[in-house]
């Protein structure tokens, strides 16, 4: 249905663990790129658009890399794109919630 084929449940577990590992390394790079590319921008929609592009590309690159390195699991390109889009949306939503919570806490302290 989604274009996912795997040999065993352990293949999925290893796939997810590898995704976290590769994603952690790549996120350090992409966060730096995002901060440097939006440092002098003030328009929030443009910053959000750039963030979506960088996050999506990063997520897709992680999925693609781990998929290509593992022989026991295969994802179709459509599945990679859908998962990358979902991960991007989830990351942005939860990260924005964290920032709002921090701002609320800082306002109550002052």
C-alpha atoms as a PDB file:
ATOM      1  CA  UNK A   1       0.000   0.000   0.000  1.00  0.00           C
ATOM      2  CA  UNK A   2       2.649   2.533   1.007  1.00  0.00           C
ATOM      3  CA  UNK A   3       5.499   0.920  -0.875  1.00  0.00           C
ATOM      4  CA  UNK A   4       7.324  -0.451   2.158  1.00  0.00           C
ATOM      5  CA  UNK A   5       8.940  -3.879   2.079  1.00  0.00           C
ATOM      6  CA  UNK A   6      10.945  -5.327   4.934  1.00  0.00           C
ATOM      7  CA  UNK A   7      12.360  -8.695   5.931  1.00  0.00           C
ATOM      8  CA  UNK A   8      11.485  -8.673   9.629  1.00  0.00           C
ATOM      9  CA  UNK A   9      10.313  -6.463  12.452  1.00  0.00           C
ATOM     10  CA  UNK A  10      13.945  -6.148  13.516  1.00  0.00           C
ATOM     11  CA  UNK A  11      14.694  -4.569  10.159  1.00  0.00           C
ATOM     12  CA  UNK A  12      12.205  -1.836  11.010  1.00  0.00           C
ATOM     13  CA  UNK A  13      13.713  -1.376  14.465  1.00  0.00           C
ATOM     14  CA  UNK A  14      17.223  -1.076  13.038  1.00  0.00           C
ATOM     15  CA  UNK A  15      15.904   1.285  10.355  1.00  0.00           C
ATOM     16  CA  UNK A  16      14.406   3.608  12.971  1.00  0.00           C
ATOM     17  CA  UNK A  17      17.560   3.514  15.109  1.00  0.00           C
ATOM     18  CA  UNK A  18      19.708   4.314  12.079  1.00  0.00           C
ATOM     19  CA  UNK A  19      17.342   7.136  11.149  1.00  0.00           C
ATOM     20  CA  UNK A  20      17.813   8.681  14.582  1.00  0.00           C
ATOM     21  CA  UNK A  21      21.588   8.342  14.336  1.00  0.00           C
ATOM     22  CA  UNK A  22      21.948   9.787  10.853  1.00  0.00           C
ATOM     23  CA  UNK A  23      19.257  12.372  11.585  1.00  0.00           C
ATOM     24  CA  UNK A  24      21.051  13.590  14.686  1.00  0.00           C
ATOM     25  CA  UNK A  25      24.250  14.180  12.757  1.00  0.00           C
ATOM     26  CA  UNK A  26      22.495  15.848   9.840  1.00  0.00           C
ATOM     27  CA  UNK A  27      20.356  18.005  12.126  1.00  0.00           C
ATOM     28  CA  UNK A  28      23.451  19.671  13.542  1.00  0.00           C
ATOM     29  CA  UNK A  29      24.383  20.747  10.028  1.00  0.00           C
ATOM     30  CA  UNK A  30      20.893  21.803   8.966  1.00  0.00           C
ATOM     31  CA  UNK A  31      20.264  23.825  12.135  1.00  0.00           C
ATOM     32  CA  UNK A  32      23.451  25.758  11.429  1.00  0.00           C
ATOM     33  CA  UNK A  33      22.411  26.325   7.824  1.00  0.00           C
ATOM     34  CA  UNK A  34      18.973  27.507   8.940  1.00  0.00           C
ATOM     35  CA  UNK A  35      20.330  29.917  11.546  1.00  0.00           C
ATOM     36  CA  UNK A  36      22.904  31.360   9.164  1.00  0.00           C
ATOM     37  CA  UNK A  37      20.463  31.715   6.279  1.00  0.00           C
ATOM     38  CA  UNK A  38      17.739  33.429   8.337  1.00  0.00           C
ATOM     39  CA  UNK A  39      19.901  35.511  10.653  1.00  0.00           C
ATOM     40  CA  UNK A  40      19.062  38.843   9.032  1.00  0.00           C
ATOM     41  CA  UNK A  41      15.475  38.075   8.027  1.00  0.00           C
ATOM     42  CA  UNK A  42      12.510  39.571   9.811  1.00  0.00           C
ATOM     43  CA  UNK A  43       9.594  38.297   7.732  1.00  0.00           C
ATOM     44  CA  UNK A  44       8.171  35.292   9.594  1.00  0.00           C
ATOM     45  CA  UNK A  45       6.529  33.662   6.572  1.00  0.00           C
ATOM     46  CA  UNK A  46       9.794  33.688   4.636  1.00  0.00           C
ATOM     47  CA  UNK A  47      11.637  32.215   7.632  1.00  0.00           C
ATOM     48  CA  UNK A  48       8.981  29.514   7.979  1.00  0.00           C
ATOM     49  CA  UNK A  49       9.173  28.699   4.271  1.00  0.00           C
ATOM     50  CA  UNK A  50      12.961  28.358   4.425  1.00  0.00           C
ATOM     51  CA  UNK A  51      12.658  26.197   7.532  1.00  0.00           C
ATOM     52  CA  UNK A  52      10.143  23.907   5.840  1.00  0.00           C
ATOM     53  CA  UNK A  53      12.428  23.484   2.833  1.00  0.00           C
ATOM     54  CA  UNK A  54      15.504  22.764   4.955  1.00  0.00           C
ATOM     55  CA  UNK A  55      13.681  20.398   7.342  1.00  0.00           C
ATOM     56  CA  UNK A  56      11.958  18.517   4.522  1.00  0.00           C
ATOM     57  CA  UNK A  57      15.191  18.125   2.568  1.00  0.00           C
ATOM     58  CA  UNK A  58      17.000  16.958   5.679  1.00  0.00           C
ATOM     59  CA  UNK A  59      14.303  14.428   6.573  1.00  0.00           C
ATOM     60  CA  UNK A  60      14.132  13.089   3.041  1.00  0.00           C
ATOM     61  CA  UNK A  61      17.924  12.822   2.831  1.00  0.00           C
ATOM     62  CA  UNK A  62      18.022  10.817   6.072  1.00  0.00           C
ATOM     63  CA  UNK A  63      15.266   8.483   4.867  1.00  0.00           C
ATOM     64  CA  UNK A  64      16.898   8.044   1.476  1.00  0.00           C
ATOM     65  CA  UNK A  65      20.350   7.410   2.933  1.00  0.00           C
ATOM     66  CA  UNK A  66      19.221   4.840   5.485  1.00  0.00           C
ATOM     67  CA  UNK A  67      16.976   3.168   2.901  1.00  0.00           C
ATOM     68  CA  UNK A  68      19.876   2.844   0.475  1.00  0.00           C
ATOM     69  CA  UNK A  69      22.287   1.559   3.125  1.00  0.00           C
ATOM     70  CA  UNK A  70      19.944  -1.162   4.367  1.00  0.00           C
ATOM     71  CA  UNK A  71      19.191  -4.138   2.153  1.00  0.00           C
ATOM     72  CA  UNK A  72      16.527  -5.549   4.464  1.00  0.00           C
ATOM     73  CA  UNK A  73      14.068  -2.681   3.992  1.00  0.00           C
ATOM     74  CA  UNK A  74      12.883  -0.873   0.890  1.00  0.00           C
ATOM     75  CA  UNK A  75      10.853   2.331   0.691  1.00  0.00           C
ATOM     76  CA  UNK A  76       9.363   3.739  -2.486  1.00  0.00           C
ATOM     77  CA  UNK A  77      10.185   7.332  -3.361  1.00  0.00           C
ATOM     78  CA  UNK A  78       6.562   8.326  -2.754  1.00  0.00           C
ATOM     79  CA  UNK A  79       6.704   6.825   0.730  1.00  0.00           C
ATOM     80  CA  UNK A  80       9.955   8.636   1.469  1.00  0.00           C
ATOM     81  CA  UNK A  81       8.401  11.946   0.417  1.00  0.00           C
ATOM     82  CA  UNK A  82       5.237  11.378   2.465  1.00  0.00           C
ATOM     83  CA  UNK A  83       7.171  10.354   5.578  1.00  0.00           C
ATOM     84  CA  UNK A  84       9.575  13.289   5.172  1.00  0.00           C
ATOM     85  CA  UNK A  85       6.629  15.696   4.871  1.00  0.00           C
ATOM     86  CA  UNK A  86       4.948  14.239   7.963  1.00  0.00           C
ATOM     87  CA  UNK A  87       8.164  14.391   9.982  1.00  0.00           C
ATOM     88  CA  UNK A  88       8.694  17.988   8.892  1.00  0.00           C
ATOM     89  CA  UNK A  89       5.194  18.996   9.948  1.00  0.00           C
ATOM     90  CA  UNK A  90       5.540  17.235  13.303  1.00  0.00           C
ATOM     91  CA  UNK A  91       8.946  18.791  14.001  1.00  0.00           C
ATOM     92  CA  UNK A  92       7.755  22.300  13.196  1.00  0.00           C
ATOM     93  CA  UNK A  93       4.527  21.962  15.178  1.00  0.00           C
ATOM     94  CA  UNK A  94       6.219  20.603  18.288  1.00  0.00           C
ATOM     95  CA  UNK A  95       9.144  23.011  18.066  1.00  0.00           C
ATOM     96  CA  UNK A  96       6.769  25.978  17.816  1.00  0.00           C
ATOM     97  CA  UNK A  97       4.841  24.684  20.853  1.00  0.00           C
ATOM     98  CA  UNK A  98       8.093  24.487  22.816  1.00  0.00           C
ATOM     99  CA  UNK A  99       8.980  28.077  21.897  1.00  0.00           C
ATOM    100  CA  UNK A 100       5.530  29.306  22.933  1.00  0.00           C
ATOM    101  CA  UNK A 101       5.827  27.477  26.260  1.00  0.00           C
ATOM    102  CA  UNK A 102       9.267  29.016  26.872  1.00  0.00           C
ATOM    103  CA  UNK A 103       7.921  32.496  26.110  1.00  0.00           C
ATOM    104  CA  UNK A 104       5.008  31.963  28.505  1.00  0.00           C
ATOM    105  CA  UNK A 105       7.345  30.781  31.261  1.00  0.00           C
ATOM    106  CA  UNK A 106       9.667  33.745  30.701  1.00  0.00           C
ATOM    107  CA  UNK A 107       6.734  36.181  30.809  1.00  0.00           C
ATOM    108  CA  UNK A 108       5.469  34.766  34.111  1.00  0.00           C
ATOM    109  CA  UNK A 109       8.931  35.023  35.656  1.00  0.00           C
ATOM    110  CA  UNK A 110       9.198  38.694  34.793  1.00  0.00           C
END
